[in-house]
């Protein structure tokens, strides 16, 4: 029942994205804080797989200008996939780096089942799953990366995968935002 409801939800999301019904609300937000919150949500999975976690940012606070809810969905999905396909005791890394073009590059890296070069060209296609499904966990509908790419495309940004031997890194760019000024009580 849970899997069916998730599939229906994802198909509805795809439909809204493709039809242009889903509107994006661009704001400045701290994507480093968002990444920390997502990491905490995977604490049990991290412990059960005994993953070595690294969190690398240029600064403690890294502001992006994007639709916060949509980017949460993208980052959560990439982290979920990385957790699913990580090998026990492997590395799991989130990094957020500034570029000279006033952009941020967000990367989610895992050590586990590799993605072939051929598969890397198709992983963002709707319903695409690799033959090996990158490991033992065959769950998923093949929509998460497609939805993530559609969201990033709607932000006029890039998302890509860098396959490696026994590892994989998914990255995307966002426009750099301005720090939100905290209001002080007087």
N, C-alpha and C. Protein backbone atom coordinates (compact mmCIF):
# COMPACT_ATOMS: atom_id res chain seq x y z
N UNK A 1 0.83 -1.19 0.00
CA UNK A 1 0.00 0.00 0.00
C UNK A 1 0.88 1.26 0.00
N UNK A 2 1.92 1.28 0.86
CA UNK A 2 2.80 2.45 0.93
C UNK A 2 3.52 2.68 -0.40
N UNK A 3 3.99 1.60 -1.01
CA UNK A 3 4.71 1.72 -2.28
C UNK A 3 3.77 2.22 -3.38
N UNK A 4 2.54 1.73 -3.40
CA UNK A 4 1.56 2.16 -4.40
C UNK A 4 1.23 3.63 -4.22
N UNK A 5 1.05 4.07 -2.98
CA UNK A 5 0.73 5.49 -2.74
C UNK A 5 1.91 6.38 -3.11
N UNK A 6 3.15 5.91 -2.87
CA UNK A 6 4.33 6.67 -3.27
C UNK A 6 4.41 6.78 -4.79
N UNK A 7 4.10 5.69 -5.50
CA UNK A 7 4.11 5.69 -6.96
C UNK A 7 3.08 6.67 -7.51
N UNK A 8 1.86 6.64 -6.97
CA UNK A 8 0.81 7.57 -7.41
C UNK A 8 1.24 9.01 -7.16
N UNK A 9 1.81 9.26 -5.99
CA UNK A 9 2.28 10.61 -5.66
C UNK A 9 3.35 11.07 -6.64
N UNK A 10 4.29 10.18 -6.97
CA UNK A 10 5.35 10.54 -7.91
C UNK A 10 4.80 10.79 -9.31
N UNK A 11 3.86 9.98 -9.75
CA UNK A 11 3.27 10.17 -11.08
C UNK A 11 2.52 11.49 -11.14
N UNK A 12 1.79 11.83 -10.07
CA UNK A 12 1.10 13.13 -10.02
C UNK A 12 2.11 14.28 -10.04
N UNK A 13 3.21 14.11 -9.34
CA UNK A 13 4.26 15.12 -9.32
C UNK A 13 4.84 15.31 -10.72
N UNK A 14 5.12 14.21 -11.41
CA UNK A 14 5.63 14.27 -12.79
C UNK A 14 4.64 15.02 -13.67
N UNK A 15 3.36 14.69 -13.52
CA UNK A 15 2.32 15.33 -14.33
C UNK A 15 2.29 16.84 -14.10
N UNK A 16 2.35 17.27 -12.83
CA UNK A 16 2.35 18.70 -12.51
C UNK A 16 3.59 19.40 -13.07
N UNK A 17 4.74 18.73 -12.97
CA UNK A 17 5.99 19.31 -13.49
C UNK A 17 5.94 19.45 -15.00
N UNK A 18 5.52 18.40 -15.68
CA UNK A 18 5.51 18.41 -17.15
C UNK A 18 4.48 19.37 -17.72
N UNK A 19 3.36 19.54 -17.02
CA UNK A 19 2.31 20.44 -17.53
C UNK A 19 2.56 21.89 -17.15
N UNK A 20 3.55 22.13 -16.31
CA UNK A 20 3.83 23.49 -15.87
C UNK A 20 2.92 23.94 -14.74
N UNK A 21 2.11 23.02 -14.21
CA UNK A 21 1.20 23.33 -13.09
C UNK A 21 1.96 23.64 -11.80
N UNK A 22 3.07 23.00 -11.63
CA UNK A 22 3.83 23.21 -10.39
C UNK A 22 4.57 24.53 -10.51
N UNK A 23 4.24 25.43 -9.63
CA UNK A 23 4.87 26.75 -9.61
C UNK A 23 5.99 26.74 -8.58
N UNK A 24 7.05 27.46 -8.89
CA UNK A 24 8.20 27.52 -8.00
C UNK A 24 8.28 28.89 -7.35
N UNK A 25 8.58 28.88 -6.05
CA UNK A 25 8.69 30.09 -5.25
C UNK A 25 10.16 30.27 -4.88
N UNK A 26 10.86 31.15 -5.61
CA UNK A 26 12.29 31.35 -5.40
C UNK A 26 12.53 32.25 -4.19
N UNK A 27 13.31 31.73 -3.25
CA UNK A 27 13.69 32.49 -2.06
C UNK A 27 15.15 32.16 -1.74
N UNK A 28 15.74 32.96 -0.88
CA UNK A 28 17.08 32.68 -0.39
C UNK A 28 16.95 31.81 0.86
N UNK A 29 17.69 30.71 0.91
CA UNK A 29 17.65 29.83 2.08
C UNK A 29 19.02 29.16 2.26
N UNK A 30 19.25 28.69 3.46
CA UNK A 30 20.52 28.06 3.82
C UNK A 30 20.47 26.57 3.43
N UNK A 31 21.08 26.25 2.30
CA UNK A 31 21.06 24.86 1.83
C UNK A 31 21.95 23.96 2.68
N UNK A 32 22.95 24.52 3.35
CA UNK A 32 23.79 23.72 4.25
C UNK A 32 22.96 23.23 5.43
N UNK A 33 22.11 24.11 5.96
CA UNK A 33 21.22 23.69 7.06
C UNK A 33 20.25 22.61 6.57
N UNK A 34 19.71 22.80 5.36
CA UNK A 34 18.81 21.80 4.79
C UNK A 34 19.51 20.45 4.68
N UNK A 35 20.74 20.44 4.20
CA UNK A 35 21.50 19.20 4.05
C UNK A 35 21.73 18.53 5.41
N UNK A 36 22.01 19.33 6.44
CA UNK A 36 22.20 18.77 7.79
C UNK A 36 20.92 18.10 8.28
N UNK A 37 19.78 18.75 8.04
CA UNK A 37 18.48 18.20 8.46
C UNK A 37 18.22 16.87 7.75
N UNK A 38 18.52 16.83 6.45
CA UNK A 38 18.33 15.59 5.68
C UNK A 38 19.26 14.50 6.22
N UNK A 39 20.50 14.85 6.50
CA UNK A 39 21.44 13.87 7.06
C UNK A 39 20.91 13.28 8.36
N UNK A 40 20.37 14.13 9.23
CA UNK A 40 19.82 13.66 10.50
C UNK A 40 18.67 12.69 10.26
N UNK A 41 17.86 12.95 9.23
CA UNK A 41 16.73 12.06 8.94
C UNK A 41 17.18 10.66 8.52
N UNK A 42 18.42 10.53 8.07
CA UNK A 42 18.96 9.23 7.66
C UNK A 42 19.85 8.60 8.73
N UNK A 43 19.81 9.13 9.94
CA UNK A 43 20.71 8.68 11.00
C UNK A 43 20.65 7.16 11.22
N UNK A 44 19.44 6.60 11.27
CA UNK A 44 19.30 5.15 11.49
C UNK A 44 19.95 4.35 10.37
N UNK A 45 19.70 4.76 9.14
CA UNK A 45 20.27 4.06 7.98
C UNK A 45 21.80 4.17 7.98
N UNK A 46 22.30 5.35 8.32
CA UNK A 46 23.75 5.57 8.39
C UNK A 46 24.37 4.63 9.42
N UNK A 47 23.73 4.54 10.60
CA UNK A 47 24.25 3.67 11.65
C UNK A 47 24.15 2.20 11.27
N UNK A 48 23.02 1.79 10.67
CA UNK A 48 22.85 0.38 10.33
C UNK A 48 23.83 -0.07 9.25
N UNK A 49 24.20 0.83 8.35
CA UNK A 49 25.18 0.49 7.30
C UNK A 49 26.61 0.86 7.70
N UNK A 50 26.75 1.44 8.90
CA UNK A 50 28.06 1.87 9.41
C UNK A 50 28.81 2.73 8.39
N UNK A 51 28.10 3.70 7.84
CA UNK A 51 28.69 4.57 6.82
C UNK A 51 29.60 5.61 7.45
N UNK A 52 30.66 5.93 6.76
CA UNK A 52 31.57 7.01 7.16
C UNK A 52 31.05 8.27 6.47
N UNK A 53 30.54 9.20 7.26
CA UNK A 53 29.89 10.40 6.72
C UNK A 53 30.84 11.59 6.75
N UNK A 54 30.86 12.31 5.63
CA UNK A 54 31.59 13.58 5.56
C UNK A 54 30.62 14.65 5.09
N UNK A 55 30.74 15.82 5.68
CA UNK A 55 29.90 16.96 5.31
C UNK A 55 30.84 18.13 5.06
N UNK A 56 30.99 18.52 3.81
CA UNK A 56 31.96 19.55 3.44
C UNK A 56 31.27 20.76 2.83
N UNK A 57 31.46 21.92 3.45
CA UNK A 57 30.93 23.17 2.90
C UNK A 57 32.01 24.24 2.99
N UNK A 58 31.92 25.22 2.10
CA UNK A 58 32.87 26.33 2.16
C UNK A 58 32.69 27.15 3.43
N UNK A 59 31.44 27.24 3.89
CA UNK A 59 31.10 27.98 5.12
C UNK A 59 29.99 27.24 5.84
N UNK A 60 29.76 27.56 7.11
CA UNK A 60 28.69 26.92 7.87
C UNK A 60 27.32 27.20 7.26
N UNK A 61 27.15 28.41 6.77
CA UNK A 61 25.89 28.80 6.12
C UNK A 61 26.18 29.03 4.64
N UNK A 62 25.41 28.37 3.78
CA UNK A 62 25.57 28.50 2.33
C UNK A 62 24.18 28.78 1.75
N UNK A 63 23.98 29.99 1.25
CA UNK A 63 22.66 30.39 0.79
C UNK A 63 22.49 30.17 -0.71
N UNK A 64 21.35 29.56 -1.05
CA UNK A 64 20.96 29.34 -2.44
C UNK A 64 19.72 30.17 -2.72
N UNK A 65 19.50 30.50 -3.98
CA UNK A 65 18.27 31.15 -4.40
C UNK A 65 17.53 30.16 -5.29
N UNK A 66 16.48 29.58 -4.74
CA UNK A 66 15.74 28.52 -5.44
C UNK A 66 14.43 28.28 -4.70
N UNK A 67 13.63 27.36 -5.21
CA UNK A 67 12.43 26.93 -4.51
C UNK A 67 12.85 25.94 -3.43
N UNK A 68 12.72 26.34 -2.18
CA UNK A 68 13.22 25.55 -1.06
C UNK A 68 12.61 24.15 -1.00
N UNK A 69 11.29 24.05 -1.15
CA UNK A 69 10.64 22.74 -1.08
C UNK A 69 11.08 21.82 -2.22
N UNK A 70 11.21 22.39 -3.42
CA UNK A 70 11.63 21.59 -4.57
C UNK A 70 13.06 21.10 -4.40
N UNK A 71 13.94 21.97 -3.91
CA UNK A 71 15.34 21.58 -3.73
C UNK A 71 15.47 20.56 -2.59
N UNK A 72 14.63 20.69 -1.57
CA UNK A 72 14.61 19.67 -0.52
C UNK A 72 14.30 18.31 -1.16
N UNK A 73 13.31 18.29 -2.05
CA UNK A 73 12.92 17.05 -2.72
C UNK A 73 14.10 16.47 -3.52
N UNK A 74 14.82 17.31 -4.23
CA UNK A 74 15.97 16.86 -5.03
C UNK A 74 17.07 16.31 -4.11
N UNK A 75 17.45 17.08 -3.11
CA UNK A 75 18.55 16.68 -2.23
C UNK A 75 18.19 15.43 -1.43
N UNK A 76 16.95 15.37 -0.95
CA UNK A 76 16.50 14.18 -0.21
C UNK A 76 16.57 12.95 -1.12
N UNK A 77 16.10 13.11 -2.35
CA UNK A 77 16.10 11.98 -3.29
C UNK A 77 17.53 11.49 -3.57
N UNK A 78 18.45 12.42 -3.80
CA UNK A 78 19.84 12.02 -4.07
C UNK A 78 20.45 11.32 -2.85
N UNK A 79 20.16 11.84 -1.66
CA UNK A 79 20.67 11.20 -0.43
C UNK A 79 20.03 9.83 -0.22
N UNK A 80 18.73 9.73 -0.48
CA UNK A 80 18.03 8.45 -0.34
C UNK A 80 18.65 7.40 -1.27
N UNK A 81 18.89 7.79 -2.52
CA UNK A 81 19.52 6.85 -3.46
C UNK A 81 20.92 6.47 -3.00
N UNK A 82 21.69 7.45 -2.53
CA UNK A 82 23.05 7.17 -2.06
C UNK A 82 23.02 6.20 -0.89
N UNK A 83 22.08 6.38 0.03
CA UNK A 83 21.95 5.47 1.17
C UNK A 83 21.60 4.06 0.68
N UNK A 84 20.68 4.01 -0.24
CA UNK A 84 20.19 2.73 -0.75
C UNK A 84 21.31 1.94 -1.43
N UNK A 85 22.18 2.64 -2.16
CA UNK A 85 23.18 1.96 -2.97
C UNK A 85 24.58 1.95 -2.35
N UNK A 86 24.73 2.53 -1.16
CA UNK A 86 26.03 2.52 -0.47
C UNK A 86 26.34 1.12 0.03
N UNK A 87 27.60 0.77 -0.01
CA UNK A 87 28.01 -0.51 0.58
C UNK A 87 28.20 -0.31 2.08
N UNK A 88 28.04 -1.37 2.82
CA UNK A 88 28.24 -1.30 4.27
C UNK A 88 29.66 -0.85 4.57
N UNK A 89 29.80 0.14 5.45
CA UNK A 89 31.10 0.67 5.83
C UNK A 89 31.70 1.64 4.83
N UNK A 90 30.95 1.95 3.77
CA UNK A 90 31.46 2.87 2.74
C UNK A 90 31.34 4.33 3.14
N UNK A 91 31.85 5.17 2.27
CA UNK A 91 31.78 6.61 2.51
C UNK A 91 30.49 7.17 1.93
N UNK A 92 29.97 8.17 2.62
CA UNK A 92 28.82 8.95 2.15
C UNK A 92 29.20 10.41 2.37
N UNK A 93 29.22 11.18 1.30
CA UNK A 93 29.69 12.57 1.41
C UNK A 93 28.68 13.52 0.78
N UNK A 94 28.40 14.59 1.50
CA UNK A 94 27.66 15.72 0.92
C UNK A 94 28.62 16.89 0.92
N UNK A 95 28.76 17.54 -0.24
CA UNK A 95 29.59 18.74 -0.29
C UNK A 95 28.83 19.86 -0.99
N UNK A 96 29.05 21.06 -0.50
CA UNK A 96 28.44 22.27 -1.08
C UNK A 96 29.57 23.27 -1.26
N UNK A 97 29.83 23.60 -2.51
CA UNK A 97 30.96 24.48 -2.85
C UNK A 97 30.49 25.64 -3.71
N UNK A 98 31.13 26.77 -3.50
CA UNK A 98 30.88 27.97 -4.31
C UNK A 98 31.69 27.89 -5.59
N UNK A 99 31.13 28.42 -6.69
CA UNK A 99 31.88 28.54 -7.94
C UNK A 99 32.15 30.02 -8.20
N UNK A 100 33.10 30.34 -9.06
CA UNK A 100 33.37 31.75 -9.38
C UNK A 100 32.19 32.44 -10.08
N UNK A 101 31.26 31.65 -10.62
CA UNK A 101 30.10 32.22 -11.33
C UNK A 101 28.91 32.52 -10.41
N UNK A 102 29.14 32.66 -9.10
CA UNK A 102 28.08 32.90 -8.11
C UNK A 102 27.03 31.78 -8.13
N UNK A 103 27.53 30.59 -8.21
CA UNK A 103 26.67 29.41 -8.14
C UNK A 103 27.18 28.53 -7.01
N UNK A 104 26.33 27.61 -6.61
CA UNK A 104 26.71 26.58 -5.65
C UNK A 104 26.66 25.24 -6.36
N UNK A 105 27.63 24.39 -6.10
CA UNK A 105 27.59 23.02 -6.59
C UNK A 105 27.37 22.11 -5.39
N UNK A 106 26.28 21.36 -5.44
CA UNK A 106 25.93 20.42 -4.38
C UNK A 106 26.22 19.02 -4.91
N UNK A 107 27.00 18.24 -4.16
CA UNK A 107 27.37 16.89 -4.59
C UNK A 107 27.04 15.89 -3.50
N UNK A 108 26.43 14.77 -3.91
CA UNK A 108 26.15 13.65 -3.02
C UNK A 108 26.93 12.46 -3.57
N UNK A 109 27.85 11.95 -2.76
CA UNK A 109 28.78 10.88 -3.17
C UNK A 109 28.55 9.66 -2.31
N UNK A 110 28.58 8.48 -2.94
CA UNK A 110 28.51 7.25 -2.16
C UNK A 110 29.48 6.22 -2.72
N UNK A 111 29.93 5.33 -1.84
CA UNK A 111 30.74 4.19 -2.24
C UNK A 111 29.85 2.96 -2.22
N UNK A 112 29.73 2.34 -3.37
CA UNK A 112 28.87 1.17 -3.48
C UNK A 112 28.90 0.66 -4.90
N UNK A 113 27.77 0.19 -5.36
CA UNK A 113 27.65 -0.32 -6.72
C UNK A 113 27.86 0.82 -7.71
N UNK A 114 28.72 0.61 -8.68
CA UNK A 114 29.00 1.63 -9.70
C UNK A 114 27.84 1.74 -10.70
N UNK A 115 27.81 2.86 -11.38
CA UNK A 115 26.91 3.04 -12.52
C UNK A 115 27.80 3.02 -13.76
N UNK A 116 27.42 2.24 -14.76
CA UNK A 116 28.23 2.19 -15.98
C UNK A 116 28.10 3.51 -16.74
N UNK A 117 29.06 3.76 -17.62
CA UNK A 117 29.03 4.97 -18.44
C UNK A 117 27.76 5.00 -19.28
N UNK A 118 27.38 3.85 -19.82
CA UNK A 118 26.15 3.76 -20.62
C UNK A 118 24.92 4.12 -19.78
N UNK A 119 24.83 3.54 -18.58
CA UNK A 119 23.70 3.83 -17.70
C UNK A 119 23.70 5.28 -17.25
N UNK A 120 24.90 5.86 -17.08
CA UNK A 120 24.98 7.25 -16.59
C UNK A 120 24.33 8.23 -17.57
N UNK A 121 24.26 7.85 -18.83
CA UNK A 121 23.63 8.71 -19.84
C UNK A 121 22.11 8.65 -19.76
N UNK A 122 21.58 7.61 -19.08
CA UNK A 122 20.12 7.41 -19.07
C UNK A 122 19.48 7.48 -17.69
N UNK A 123 20.27 7.64 -16.63
CA UNK A 123 19.70 7.55 -15.27
C UNK A 123 18.65 8.62 -14.99
N UNK A 124 18.66 9.72 -15.74
CA UNK A 124 17.67 10.78 -15.51
C UNK A 124 16.41 10.61 -16.37
N UNK A 125 16.35 9.53 -17.16
CA UNK A 125 15.16 9.26 -17.99
C UNK A 125 14.04 8.72 -17.11
N UNK A 126 12.82 9.04 -17.50
CA UNK A 126 11.65 8.57 -16.76
C UNK A 126 11.58 7.04 -16.75
N UNK A 127 11.34 6.47 -15.59
CA UNK A 127 11.20 5.03 -15.34
C UNK A 127 12.47 4.22 -15.61
N UNK A 128 13.60 4.88 -15.79
CA UNK A 128 14.83 4.14 -16.08
C UNK A 128 15.43 3.56 -14.80
N UNK A 129 15.76 2.30 -14.86
CA UNK A 129 16.50 1.63 -13.78
C UNK A 129 17.60 0.82 -14.44
N UNK A 130 18.77 0.81 -13.82
CA UNK A 130 19.87 0.03 -14.40
C UNK A 130 19.53 -1.45 -14.31
N UNK A 131 20.16 -2.25 -15.16
CA UNK A 131 19.92 -3.70 -15.13
C UNK A 131 20.20 -4.28 -13.76
N UNK A 132 21.28 -3.84 -13.15
CA UNK A 132 21.65 -4.35 -11.84
C UNK A 132 20.92 -3.62 -10.73
N UNK A 133 20.21 -2.53 -11.08
CA UNK A 133 19.58 -1.67 -10.09
C UNK A 133 20.60 -1.20 -9.07
N UNK A 134 21.86 -1.15 -9.48
CA UNK A 134 22.98 -0.70 -8.64
C UNK A 134 23.09 -1.44 -7.33
N UNK A 135 22.58 -2.63 -7.22
CA UNK A 135 22.79 -3.35 -5.97
C UNK A 135 21.65 -4.28 -5.65
N UNK A 136 21.57 -4.64 -4.39
CA UNK A 136 20.58 -5.61 -3.96
C UNK A 136 19.20 -5.01 -3.78
N UNK A 137 19.13 -3.73 -3.46
CA UNK A 137 17.85 -3.07 -3.21
C UNK A 137 17.21 -2.71 -4.54
N UNK A 138 16.17 -3.45 -4.91
CA UNK A 138 15.51 -3.25 -6.20
C UNK A 138 14.29 -2.33 -6.09
N UNK A 139 14.06 -1.76 -4.91
CA UNK A 139 12.89 -0.90 -4.73
C UNK A 139 13.05 0.38 -5.52
N UNK A 140 11.96 1.04 -5.77
CA UNK A 140 11.98 2.29 -6.51
C UNK A 140 11.29 2.11 -7.85
N UNK A 141 10.81 3.22 -8.37
CA UNK A 141 10.04 3.18 -9.60
C UNK A 141 10.78 3.76 -10.79
N UNK A 142 11.95 4.32 -10.56
CA UNK A 142 12.69 4.93 -11.65
C UNK A 142 12.19 6.33 -11.98
N UNK A 143 11.59 7.00 -11.00
CA UNK A 143 11.07 8.36 -11.22
C UNK A 143 11.84 9.43 -10.45
N UNK A 144 12.49 9.07 -9.38
CA UNK A 144 13.13 10.05 -8.51
C UNK A 144 14.15 10.93 -9.21
N UNK A 145 15.04 10.33 -9.99
CA UNK A 145 16.06 11.11 -10.69
C UNK A 145 15.45 11.93 -11.82
N UNK A 146 14.41 11.37 -12.46
CA UNK A 146 13.71 12.13 -13.51
C UNK A 146 13.06 13.38 -12.91
N UNK A 147 12.39 13.21 -11.77
CA UNK A 147 11.75 14.35 -11.10
C UNK A 147 12.83 15.36 -10.68
N UNK A 148 13.93 14.86 -10.13
CA UNK A 148 15.02 15.76 -9.71
C UNK A 148 15.55 16.56 -10.89
N UNK A 149 15.77 15.90 -12.01
CA UNK A 149 16.27 16.60 -13.20
C UNK A 149 15.26 17.63 -13.69
N UNK A 150 14.00 17.28 -13.69
CA UNK A 150 12.95 18.20 -14.14
C UNK A 150 12.92 19.44 -13.26
N UNK A 151 13.06 19.26 -11.95
CA UNK A 151 13.09 20.40 -11.01
C UNK A 151 14.32 21.27 -11.27
N UNK A 152 15.48 20.66 -11.40
CA UNK A 152 16.71 21.43 -11.63
C UNK A 152 16.64 22.14 -12.99
N UNK A 153 16.11 21.47 -14.01
CA UNK A 153 15.93 22.11 -15.32
C UNK A 153 15.02 23.34 -15.20
N UNK A 154 13.96 23.23 -14.40
CA UNK A 154 13.03 24.36 -14.21
C UNK A 154 13.71 25.54 -13.51
N UNK A 155 14.80 25.28 -12.82
CA UNK A 155 15.60 26.33 -12.18
C UNK A 155 16.68 26.87 -13.12
N UNK A 156 16.69 26.39 -14.38
CA UNK A 156 17.73 26.75 -15.37
C UNK A 156 19.12 26.41 -14.86
N UNK A 157 19.24 25.26 -14.22
CA UNK A 157 20.51 24.80 -13.69
C UNK A 157 20.83 23.42 -14.25
N UNK A 158 21.94 22.83 -13.80
CA UNK A 158 22.41 21.54 -14.30
C UNK A 158 22.42 20.49 -13.19
N UNK A 159 22.18 19.24 -13.60
CA UNK A 159 22.34 18.08 -12.72
C UNK A 159 23.05 17.01 -13.54
N UNK A 160 23.98 16.30 -12.90
CA UNK A 160 24.73 15.29 -13.64
C UNK A 160 25.24 14.22 -12.67
N UNK A 161 25.71 13.13 -13.27
CA UNK A 161 26.28 12.03 -12.49
C UNK A 161 27.71 11.80 -12.97
N UNK A 162 28.57 11.50 -12.01
CA UNK A 162 29.96 11.13 -12.32
C UNK A 162 30.18 9.72 -11.77
N UNK A 163 30.08 8.72 -12.66
CA UNK A 163 30.30 7.35 -12.19
C UNK A 163 31.78 7.09 -11.99
N UNK A 164 32.09 6.26 -11.03
CA UNK A 164 33.47 5.86 -10.77
C UNK A 164 33.51 4.39 -10.43
N UNK A 165 34.68 3.85 -10.28
CA UNK A 165 34.82 2.45 -9.92
C UNK A 165 34.48 2.28 -8.44
N UNK A 166 33.35 1.63 -8.16
CA UNK A 166 32.94 1.41 -6.78
C UNK A 166 32.42 2.65 -6.08
N UNK A 167 32.04 3.66 -6.86
CA UNK A 167 31.51 4.88 -6.26
C UNK A 167 30.65 5.62 -7.29
N UNK A 168 29.98 6.64 -6.82
CA UNK A 168 29.11 7.42 -7.69
C UNK A 168 28.89 8.79 -7.04
N UNK A 169 28.87 9.83 -7.86
CA UNK A 169 28.61 11.18 -7.35
C UNK A 169 27.57 11.86 -8.23
N UNK A 170 26.50 12.32 -7.60
CA UNK A 170 25.49 13.12 -8.28
C UNK A 170 25.67 14.56 -7.83
N UNK A 171 25.67 15.48 -8.79
CA UNK A 171 25.86 16.90 -8.48
C UNK A 171 24.81 17.74 -9.19
N UNK A 172 24.51 18.90 -8.60
CA UNK A 172 23.67 19.88 -9.27
C UNK A 172 24.12 21.27 -8.86
N UNK A 173 23.76 22.24 -9.70
CA UNK A 173 24.11 23.63 -9.41
C UNK A 173 22.85 24.41 -9.07
N UNK A 174 23.06 25.47 -8.29
CA UNK A 174 22.00 26.43 -7.95
C UNK A 174 22.62 27.82 -7.95
N UNK A 175 21.77 28.81 -8.15
CA UNK A 175 22.24 30.19 -8.02
C UNK A 175 22.53 30.47 -6.55
N UNK A 176 23.61 31.19 -6.32
CA UNK A 176 23.95 31.56 -4.95
C UNK A 176 22.96 32.62 -4.48
N UNK A 177 22.49 32.47 -3.25
CA UNK A 177 21.56 33.44 -2.68
C UNK A 177 22.29 34.38 -1.74
N UNK A 178 21.52 35.27 -1.15
CA UNK A 178 22.05 36.21 -0.16
C UNK A 178 21.64 35.75 1.22
N UNK A 179 22.51 35.91 2.20
CA UNK A 179 22.15 35.53 3.57
C UNK A 179 20.89 36.28 4.02
N UNK A 180 19.99 35.53 4.63
CA UNK A 180 18.77 36.13 5.15
C UNK A 180 19.12 36.86 6.43
N UNK A 181 18.77 38.13 6.50
CA UNK A 181 19.07 38.92 7.70
C UNK A 181 18.11 38.50 8.81
N UNK A 182 18.68 38.13 9.93
CA UNK A 182 17.85 37.75 11.07
C UNK A 182 17.33 39.02 11.74
N UNK A 183 16.04 39.01 12.01
CA UNK A 183 15.44 40.18 12.67
C UNK A 183 15.77 40.14 14.16
N UNK A 184 16.14 41.27 14.68
CA UNK A 184 16.45 41.34 16.11
C UNK A 184 15.28 41.98 16.83
N UNK A 185 14.97 41.45 18.00
CA UNK A 185 13.90 42.02 18.82
C UNK A 185 14.43 43.24 19.54
N UNK A 186 13.60 44.26 19.62
CA UNK A 186 14.04 45.49 20.31
C UNK A 186 13.22 45.74 21.54
